[in-house]
């Protein structure tokens, strides 16, 4: 009687995606409902290994043979209900053209002024376009210059409150400001409507009528 041949069960195919910044590579592994106690991670200089154990299902093992070296002690991971996000610290600040396998061409260093992954294209192209990092920096500087400060900022805040307030809020602000000679500004009509608002000069100052 011939022995039955033993056939291995095919491994579960796991989808993944990845992106990179100047200093790190982030791999997103699409495995749902992973508990922290059921996940074992192993980081080496050129390899990442994930071992997921499910109580009632087949275990899942995922391995990445990286195209460049990483710093294992500075790597980390995060678990969400739908995925495992693995963050790998690059040993060198260079652009990886692929996640796994050896690269034939030596990649160039990633420019220092690389915007976040959600921003404009990070890497130089054959066409010479705008320097988005410089544009963003210029916009932030302009916003800082235009940002009101001190009394101007306070006036702007009062204008916004008055513009968005109800009729009672507007009446309360007008009455309190006029009756107090500009020393009190209230939005509480129930309180302000009961009696005349007294003048309340700042501490150390005396109110005088001219």
Protein backbone atom coordinates (compact mmCIF):
# COMPACT_ATOMS: atom_id res chain seq x y z
CA UNK A 1 0.00 0.00 0.00
CA UNK A 2 1.54 3.30 -1.10
CA UNK A 3 1.95 6.03 1.45
CA UNK A 4 -0.18 9.10 0.93
CA UNK A 5 1.82 12.08 -0.18
CA UNK A 6 2.02 14.94 2.30
CA UNK A 7 1.17 18.25 0.70
CA UNK A 8 1.91 21.52 2.45
CA UNK A 9 -0.89 24.00 2.85
CA UNK A 10 -0.18 27.16 0.87
CA UNK A 11 0.83 30.10 3.02
CA UNK A 12 -1.66 32.89 3.49
CA UNK A 13 -0.94 35.75 1.11
CA UNK A 14 -0.73 39.05 2.96
CA UNK A 15 -1.00 42.38 1.19
CA UNK A 16 1.34 45.20 2.14
CA UNK A 17 2.35 48.68 1.04
CA UNK A 18 5.22 51.00 1.92
CA UNK A 19 6.48 54.55 1.69
CA UNK A 20 9.57 56.40 2.86
CA UNK A 21 10.76 59.69 4.32
CA UNK A 22 14.28 61.06 4.60
CA UNK A 23 15.04 58.99 7.70
CA UNK A 24 12.56 56.12 7.77
CA UNK A 25 10.66 53.46 5.81
CA UNK A 26 7.09 52.64 6.83
CA UNK A 27 5.54 49.28 5.88
CA UNK A 28 1.78 48.77 6.19
CA UNK A 29 0.82 45.09 6.53
CA UNK A 30 -2.90 44.45 6.01
CA UNK A 31 -3.80 41.92 8.70
CA UNK A 32 -7.01 42.52 10.66
CA UNK A 33 -7.81 42.05 14.34
CA UNK A 34 -4.26 41.45 15.56
CA UNK A 35 -3.78 41.58 19.32
CA UNK A 36 -0.53 42.86 20.78
CA UNK A 37 0.00 39.60 22.69
CA UNK A 38 -0.32 37.58 19.46
CA UNK A 39 2.33 39.49 17.50
CA UNK A 40 6.06 38.79 17.60
CA UNK A 41 8.44 41.11 15.74
CA UNK A 42 12.08 40.58 14.90
CA UNK A 43 14.25 43.36 13.44
CA UNK A 44 17.77 42.80 12.09
CA UNK A 45 19.99 45.10 10.02
CA UNK A 46 18.56 43.83 6.72
CA UNK A 47 15.45 41.83 7.58
CA UNK A 48 12.06 42.26 9.26
CA UNK A 49 10.04 39.28 10.47
CA UNK A 50 6.46 39.35 11.77
CA UNK A 51 4.83 36.31 13.36
CA UNK A 52 1.09 36.53 14.07
CA UNK A 53 -0.65 33.77 16.01
CA UNK A 54 -4.44 33.43 15.93
CA UNK A 55 -6.18 31.10 18.46
CA UNK A 56 -8.66 29.63 15.96
CA UNK A 57 -6.94 30.31 12.63
CA UNK A 58 -3.73 29.55 10.81
CA UNK A 59 -0.68 31.51 11.97
CA UNK A 60 0.67 34.15 9.62
CA UNK A 61 4.37 34.82 9.06
CA UNK A 62 5.60 37.78 7.05
CA UNK A 63 9.25 38.40 6.18
CA UNK A 64 10.90 41.30 4.34
CA UNK A 65 14.47 41.01 3.06
CA UNK A 66 15.29 44.69 2.86
CA UNK A 67 17.27 46.33 0.05
CA UNK A 68 19.17 48.53 2.52
CA UNK A 69 20.28 48.38 6.13
CA UNK A 70 18.22 49.66 9.04
CA UNK A 71 18.89 50.38 12.73
CA UNK A 72 17.02 47.56 14.55
CA UNK A 73 16.98 49.17 18.02
CA UNK A 74 15.29 52.29 16.62
CA UNK A 75 12.51 50.43 14.78
CA UNK A 76 8.93 50.24 16.05
CA UNK A 77 5.42 49.10 15.14
CA UNK A 78 1.81 50.12 15.72
CA UNK A 79 -1.31 47.92 15.62
CA UNK A 80 -4.74 49.13 14.45
CA UNK A 81 -7.92 47.06 13.89
CA UNK A 82 -7.17 46.74 10.17
CA UNK A 83 -3.36 46.69 9.88
CA UNK A 84 0.12 46.57 11.38
CA UNK A 85 2.27 49.62 10.68
CA UNK A 86 6.02 49.00 10.94
CA UNK A 87 8.43 51.95 11.07
CA UNK A 88 12.05 51.19 10.11
CA UNK A 89 14.87 53.62 10.86
CA UNK A 90 17.22 53.98 7.87
CA UNK A 91 20.93 53.55 8.57
CA UNK A 92 21.67 55.98 5.72
CA UNK A 93 19.52 58.88 4.53
CA UNK A 94 19.21 57.64 0.96
CA UNK A 95 16.23 57.00 -1.26
CA UNK A 96 15.23 53.34 -1.61
CA UNK A 97 14.07 52.52 -5.12
CA UNK A 98 12.54 49.27 -3.83
CA UNK A 99 11.74 47.67 -0.49
CA UNK A 100 13.31 44.23 -0.96
CA UNK A 101 16.25 42.74 -2.86
CA UNK A 102 19.58 44.19 -3.91
CA UNK A 103 19.74 47.45 -5.83
CA UNK A 104 22.07 47.56 -8.83
CA UNK A 105 22.28 51.34 -8.99
CA UNK A 106 23.48 53.25 -5.97
CA UNK A 107 20.59 55.49 -4.90
CA UNK A 108 21.09 59.18 -4.38
CA UNK A 109 20.69 60.85 -1.04
CA UNK A 110 17.26 62.25 -0.32
CA UNK A 111 17.31 66.08 -0.32
CA UNK A 112 17.24 67.61 3.16
CA UNK A 113 14.17 69.72 2.40
CA UNK A 114 11.81 66.81 1.80
CA UNK A 115 8.19 67.69 2.63
CA UNK A 116 5.84 65.22 4.32
CA UNK A 117 4.51 62.28 2.29
CA UNK A 118 1.12 63.99 1.93
CA UNK A 119 2.65 67.09 0.32
CA UNK A 120 3.92 67.76 -3.21
CA UNK A 121 6.37 65.34 -4.93
CA UNK A 122 9.43 64.92 -2.74
CA UNK A 123 12.02 63.86 -5.27
CA UNK A 124 13.48 65.84 -8.15
CA UNK A 125 12.13 65.11 -11.63
CA UNK A 126 13.48 65.71 -15.11
CA UNK A 127 11.36 68.85 -15.38
CA UNK A 128 12.40 71.85 -13.38
CA UNK A 129 9.39 72.97 -11.35
CA UNK A 130 8.71 75.04 -8.28
CA UNK A 131 10.67 74.58 -5.07
CA UNK A 132 7.65 73.68 -2.93
CA UNK A 133 9.64 73.74 0.31
CA UNK A 134 10.67 77.35 -0.32
CA UNK A 135 7.09 78.29 -1.26
CA UNK A 136 5.72 76.74 1.93
CA UNK A 137 8.37 78.49 4.05
CA UNK A 138 7.58 81.84 2.44
CA UNK A 139 3.84 81.37 3.07
CA UNK A 140 4.42 80.58 6.75
CA UNK A 141 6.61 83.66 7.17
CA UNK A 142 3.95 85.81 5.51
CA UNK A 143 1.24 84.41 7.77
CA UNK A 144 3.36 85.14 10.84
CA UNK A 145 3.81 88.76 9.73
CA UNK A 146 0.10 89.19 9.10
CA UNK A 147 -0.97 87.60 12.39
CA UNK A 148 -2.46 90.34 14.63
CA UNK A 149 -0.99 90.76 18.08
CA UNK A 150 -1.84 92.63 21.28
CA UNK A 151 -4.71 95.10 21.10
CA UNK A 152 -5.26 94.43 17.39
CA UNK A 153 -5.76 90.71 18.05
CA UNK A 154 -8.15 91.50 20.92
CA UNK A 155 -10.22 93.82 18.73
CA UNK A 156 -10.39 91.18 16.02
CA UNK A 157 -11.61 88.61 18.57
CA UNK A 158 -14.35 90.97 19.81
CA UNK A 159 -15.40 91.65 16.21
CA UNK A 160 -15.75 87.92 15.53
CA UNK A 161 -17.77 87.38 18.73
CA UNK A 162 -20.04 90.34 17.88
CA UNK A 163 -20.48 89.24 14.25
CA UNK A 164 -21.44 85.67 15.16
CA UNK A 165 -23.40 86.51 18.35
CA UNK A 166 -27.16 86.62 18.83
CA UNK A 167 -29.15 89.84 19.28
CA UNK A 168 -28.89 89.44 23.07
CA UNK A 169 -25.11 89.03 22.88
CA UNK A 170 -24.82 92.19 20.74
CA UNK A 171 -27.08 94.19 23.09
CA UNK A 172 -25.06 93.03 26.11
CA UNK A 173 -21.75 93.98 24.47
CA UNK A 174 -23.02 97.42 23.41
CA UNK A 175 -24.61 98.24 26.78
CA UNK A 176 -21.68 97.05 28.92
CA UNK A 177 -19.10 98.83 26.77
CA UNK A 178 -20.95 102.17 26.60
CA UNK A 179 -22.03 102.35 30.26
CA UNK A 180 -18.61 101.33 31.61
CA UNK A 181 -16.71 103.79 29.47
CA UNK A 182 -15.00 100.97 27.58
CA UNK A 183 -13.72 99.18 30.72
CA UNK A 184 -16.21 96.27 30.69
CA UNK A 185 -17.31 94.06 27.80
CA UNK A 186 -19.85 91.33 28.55
CA UNK A 187 -21.92 88.95 26.41
CA UNK A 188 -24.35 88.00 29.24
CA UNK A 189 -27.56 90.00 28.57
CA UNK A 190 -29.42 88.46 31.53
CA UNK A 191 -26.84 89.95 33.87
CA UNK A 192 -26.15 93.22 32.04
CA UNK A 193 -29.85 94.13 31.52
CA UNK A 194 -30.63 94.26 35.27
CA UNK A 195 -28.67 97.40 36.16
CA UNK A 196 -26.25 99.99 34.88
CA UNK A 197 -22.72 98.65 34.33
CA UNK A 198 -20.18 100.23 36.66
CA UNK A 199 -16.85 101.54 35.44
CA UNK A 200 -14.02 99.12 36.25
CA UNK A 201 -10.62 100.61 35.41
CA UNK A 202 -7.55 98.31 35.52
CA UNK A 203 -5.75 97.83 38.84
CA UNK A 204 -3.62 100.83 39.80
CA UNK A 205 -5.49 103.21 37.47
CA UNK A 206 -8.12 105.84 38.24
CA UNK A 207 -11.13 106.64 36.02
CA UNK A 208 -11.55 110.34 35.18
CA UNK A 209 -14.21 112.08 33.12
CA UNK A 210 -12.89 114.70 30.68
